Amino acid sequence: MSTPASAAGGVPSPCTSVCRIDPRTGWCAGCARTLDEIAAWSRLDDDAKRRVWALLPQRRAAAGTGAPGPAPSPAPTDTERP
C-alpha cells in the first residue's frame, strides 16, 4: 500500500476535516485516527505516520465508513451496457 506524500515530501495528515470521535470505536469519523494519534501527529516521524496510515483502511472497514474520497461510479444500466 502506498501512502500519499505531501508536496513537501513528508507524510501528509489523513485529516478530512470531519472531526468527530465515534464513542463506539474511539476513532475519528473522518480520518479513523484515535485522539492520541491526532494529538501526536505533528511530532511523529514519517515512519510512525506511515504506520498510522496503514491502520486506517482496516479501521474504516470495521467502522463501516469505507475510505474517504469520491463515491464509486454507479453500475451501468442495461441501456448503457455495450
N, C-alpha and C. Protein backbone atom coordinates (compact mmCIF):
# COMPACT_ATOMS: atom_id res chain seq x y z
N MET A 1 0.84 -1.17 0.00
CA MET A 1 0.00 0.00 0.00
C MET A 1 0.88 1.22 0.00
N SER A 2 0.63 2.16 -0.88
CA SER A 2 1.41 3.37 -0.89
C SER A 2 0.71 4.42 -0.04
N THR A 3 1.50 5.22 0.63
CA THR A 3 0.98 6.29 1.46
C THR A 3 1.12 7.58 0.69
N PRO A 4 0.08 8.41 0.66
CA PRO A 4 0.20 9.68 -0.04
C PRO A 4 1.36 10.51 0.51
N ALA A 5 1.98 11.29 -0.34
CA ALA A 5 3.05 12.18 0.10
C ALA A 5 2.63 13.61 -0.13
N SER A 6 3.00 14.47 0.78
CA SER A 6 2.65 15.88 0.63
C SER A 6 3.62 16.53 -0.35
N ALA A 7 3.30 17.75 -0.75
CA ALA A 7 4.15 18.46 -1.69
C ALA A 7 5.55 18.64 -1.13
N ALA A 8 5.68 18.74 0.20
CA ALA A 8 6.99 18.92 0.82
C ALA A 8 7.75 17.61 0.93
N GLY A 9 7.15 16.50 0.54
CA GLY A 9 7.82 15.22 0.57
C GLY A 9 7.58 14.43 1.83
N GLY A 10 6.96 15.02 2.84
CA GLY A 10 6.65 14.30 4.07
C GLY A 10 5.35 13.55 3.94
N VAL A 11 4.99 12.84 5.00
CA VAL A 11 3.74 12.08 5.02
C VAL A 11 2.62 13.02 5.47
N PRO A 12 1.59 13.20 4.65
CA PRO A 12 0.52 14.13 4.99
C PRO A 12 -0.42 13.58 6.06
N SER A 13 -1.15 14.47 6.64
CA SER A 13 -2.18 14.07 7.60
C SER A 13 -3.35 13.45 6.86
N PRO A 14 -3.96 12.42 7.42
CA PRO A 14 -5.15 11.84 6.79
C PRO A 14 -6.43 12.61 7.14
N CYS A 15 -6.31 13.74 7.82
CA CYS A 15 -7.47 14.52 8.24
C CYS A 15 -8.36 14.87 7.05
N THR A 16 -9.66 14.70 7.23
CA THR A 16 -10.63 15.04 6.20
C THR A 16 -11.53 16.20 6.63
N SER A 17 -11.18 16.83 7.75
CA SER A 17 -11.95 17.94 8.32
C SER A 17 -13.35 17.53 8.77
N VAL A 18 -13.51 16.27 9.07
CA VAL A 18 -14.74 15.74 9.69
C VAL A 18 -14.29 15.23 11.05
N CYS A 19 -14.20 16.14 12.00
CA CYS A 19 -13.57 15.84 13.29
C CYS A 19 -14.64 15.51 14.33
N ARG A 20 -14.92 14.23 14.43
CA ARG A 20 -15.94 13.75 15.36
C ARG A 20 -15.52 12.35 15.81
N ILE A 21 -15.31 12.18 17.11
CA ILE A 21 -14.88 10.89 17.63
C ILE A 21 -16.10 10.00 17.83
N ASP A 22 -16.04 8.81 17.26
CA ASP A 22 -17.11 7.83 17.42
C ASP A 22 -16.94 7.19 18.80
N PRO A 23 -17.91 7.36 19.69
CA PRO A 23 -17.77 6.81 21.04
C PRO A 23 -17.70 5.28 21.06
N ARG A 24 -18.22 4.66 20.03
CA ARG A 24 -18.20 3.19 19.95
C ARG A 24 -16.80 2.67 19.66
N THR A 25 -16.06 3.33 18.76
CA THR A 25 -14.75 2.85 18.35
C THR A 25 -13.59 3.64 18.95
N GLY A 26 -13.84 4.91 19.28
CA GLY A 26 -12.75 5.78 19.73
C GLY A 26 -11.96 6.37 18.58
N TRP A 27 -12.45 6.18 17.36
CA TRP A 27 -11.78 6.68 16.16
C TRP A 27 -12.53 7.89 15.62
N CYS A 28 -11.78 8.79 14.98
CA CYS A 28 -12.40 9.93 14.32
C CYS A 28 -13.25 9.43 13.15
N ALA A 29 -14.44 9.97 13.02
CA ALA A 29 -15.34 9.56 11.93
C ALA A 29 -14.79 9.98 10.58
N GLY A 30 -13.94 10.99 10.53
CA GLY A 30 -13.39 11.44 9.26
C GLY A 30 -12.13 10.71 8.84
N CYS A 31 -11.17 10.59 9.76
CA CYS A 31 -9.87 10.03 9.37
C CYS A 31 -9.56 8.68 9.99
N ALA A 32 -10.35 8.24 10.95
CA ALA A 32 -10.20 6.94 11.63
C ALA A 32 -8.99 6.87 12.55
N ARG A 33 -8.44 8.03 12.92
CA ARG A 33 -7.36 8.02 13.90
C ARG A 33 -7.93 8.15 15.31
N THR A 34 -7.14 7.73 16.30
CA THR A 34 -7.51 7.92 17.70
C THR A 34 -7.15 9.35 18.11
N LEU A 35 -7.69 9.79 19.24
CA LEU A 35 -7.33 11.12 19.75
C LEU A 35 -5.83 11.22 20.00
N ASP A 36 -5.23 10.16 20.54
CA ASP A 36 -3.78 10.18 20.77
C ASP A 36 -3.00 10.32 19.47
N GLU A 37 -3.43 9.62 18.42
CA GLU A 37 -2.75 9.72 17.13
C GLU A 37 -2.91 11.12 16.54
N ILE A 38 -4.09 11.68 16.67
CA ILE A 38 -4.33 13.04 16.16
C ILE A 38 -3.45 14.04 16.91
N ALA A 39 -3.43 13.95 18.24
CA ALA A 39 -2.67 14.88 19.06
C ALA A 39 -1.16 14.78 18.80
N ALA A 40 -0.68 13.58 18.54
CA ALA A 40 0.76 13.36 18.36
C ALA A 40 1.23 13.57 16.92
N TRP A 41 0.31 13.71 15.97
CA TRP A 41 0.67 13.69 14.55
C TRP A 41 1.84 14.60 14.20
N SER A 42 1.84 15.82 14.66
CA SER A 42 2.89 16.77 14.28
C SER A 42 4.25 16.39 14.86
N ARG A 43 4.29 15.55 15.87
CA ARG A 43 5.54 15.12 16.49
C ARG A 43 6.02 13.75 15.98
N LEU A 44 5.19 13.05 15.24
CA LEU A 44 5.57 11.72 14.74
C LEU A 44 6.54 11.84 13.58
N ASP A 45 7.49 10.90 13.50
CA ASP A 45 8.36 10.87 12.33
C ASP A 45 7.59 10.21 11.18
N ASP A 46 8.15 10.26 9.99
CA ASP A 46 7.43 9.74 8.82
C ASP A 46 7.13 8.25 8.92
N ASP A 47 8.02 7.47 9.52
CA ASP A 47 7.75 6.04 9.66
C ASP A 47 6.55 5.80 10.56
N ALA A 48 6.46 6.54 11.65
CA ALA A 48 5.32 6.39 12.57
C ALA A 48 4.03 6.83 11.88
N LYS A 49 4.10 7.89 11.07
CA LYS A 49 2.91 8.34 10.33
C LYS A 49 2.47 7.27 9.33
N ARG A 50 3.43 6.63 8.68
CA ARG A 50 3.07 5.56 7.74
C ARG A 50 2.42 4.38 8.46
N ARG A 51 2.88 4.09 9.67
CA ARG A 51 2.26 3.01 10.45
C ARG A 51 0.81 3.34 10.78
N VAL A 52 0.54 4.61 11.12
CA VAL A 52 -0.84 5.02 11.38
C VAL A 52 -1.65 4.89 10.10
N TRP A 53 -1.13 5.41 8.99
CA TRP A 53 -1.83 5.31 7.70
C TRP A 53 -2.19 3.86 7.38
N ALA A 54 -1.28 2.93 7.69
CA ALA A 54 -1.51 1.52 7.38
C ALA A 54 -2.68 0.94 8.17
N LEU A 55 -2.99 1.51 9.31
CA LEU A 55 -4.10 1.03 10.14
C LEU A 55 -5.47 1.52 9.65
N LEU A 56 -5.48 2.62 8.94
CA LEU A 56 -6.74 3.30 8.63
C LEU A 56 -7.70 2.51 7.74
N PRO A 57 -7.28 1.85 6.68
CA PRO A 57 -8.26 1.10 5.87
C PRO A 57 -9.00 0.04 6.67
N GLN A 58 -8.28 -0.67 7.52
CA GLN A 58 -8.92 -1.71 8.33
C GLN A 58 -9.89 -1.09 9.33
N ARG A 59 -9.51 0.03 9.91
CA ARG A 59 -10.42 0.70 10.85
C ARG A 59 -11.68 1.19 10.14
N ARG A 60 -11.50 1.79 8.96
CA ARG A 60 -12.67 2.27 8.22
C ARG A 60 -13.60 1.13 7.86
N ALA A 61 -13.02 0.01 7.47
CA ALA A 61 -13.83 -1.17 7.12
C ALA A 61 -14.58 -1.66 8.36
N ALA A 62 -13.90 -1.71 9.49
CA ALA A 62 -14.53 -2.18 10.72
C ALA A 62 -15.64 -1.24 11.17
N ALA A 63 -15.44 0.06 10.93
CA ALA A 63 -16.43 1.05 11.32
C ALA A 63 -17.55 1.17 10.29
N GLY A 64 -17.34 0.56 9.12
CA GLY A 64 -18.35 0.63 8.07
C GLY A 64 -18.38 1.95 7.33
N THR A 65 -17.28 2.71 7.40
CA THR A 65 -17.26 4.00 6.73
C THR A 65 -16.55 3.97 5.39
N GLY A 66 -15.78 2.95 5.12
CA GLY A 66 -15.02 2.90 3.87
C GLY A 66 -13.95 3.97 3.86
N ALA A 67 -13.24 4.05 2.78
CA ALA A 67 -12.18 5.05 2.67
C ALA A 67 -12.76 6.38 2.21
N PRO A 68 -12.15 7.48 2.65
CA PRO A 68 -12.64 8.77 2.17
C PRO A 68 -12.33 8.94 0.69
N GLY A 69 -13.08 9.76 0.04
CA GLY A 69 -12.84 10.00 -1.38
C GLY A 69 -14.15 10.02 -2.13
N PRO A 70 -14.07 10.14 -3.43
CA PRO A 70 -15.30 10.21 -4.22
C PRO A 70 -16.09 8.91 -4.16
N ALA A 71 -17.36 9.04 -4.31
CA ALA A 71 -18.23 7.86 -4.32
C ALA A 71 -17.94 7.05 -5.57
N PRO A 72 -18.07 5.74 -5.49
CA PRO A 72 -17.83 4.92 -6.68
C PRO A 72 -18.87 5.21 -7.76
N SER A 73 -18.48 5.00 -8.98
CA SER A 73 -19.41 5.19 -10.09
C SER A 73 -20.51 4.13 -10.01
N PRO A 74 -21.74 4.50 -10.34
CA PRO A 74 -22.80 3.51 -10.32
C PRO A 74 -22.61 2.48 -11.43
N ALA A 75 -23.14 1.32 -11.23
CA ALA A 75 -23.06 0.28 -12.25
C ALA A 75 -23.86 0.72 -13.46
N PRO A 76 -23.41 0.39 -14.66
CA PRO A 76 -24.15 0.78 -15.85
C PRO A 76 -25.52 0.09 -15.89
N THR A 77 -26.48 0.81 -16.42
CA THR A 77 -27.81 0.23 -16.57
C THR A 77 -27.83 -0.63 -17.84
N ASP A 78 -28.88 -1.39 -18.03
CA ASP A 78 -28.98 -2.24 -19.22
C ASP A 78 -28.87 -1.44 -20.50
N THR A 79 -29.37 -0.23 -20.50
CA THR A 79 -29.32 0.59 -21.74
C THR A 79 -27.94 1.15 -21.96
N GLU A 80 -27.08 1.18 -20.92
CA GLU A 80 -25.74 1.72 -21.07
C GLU A 80 -24.70 0.64 -21.38
N ARG A 81 -25.06 -0.60 -21.22
CA ARG A 81 -24.11 -1.69 -21.46
C ARG A 81 -23.94 -1.90 -22.96
N PRO A 82 -22.72 -2.24 -23.36
CA PRO A 82 -22.47 -2.47 -24.81
C PRO A 82 -23.18 -3.70 -25.32
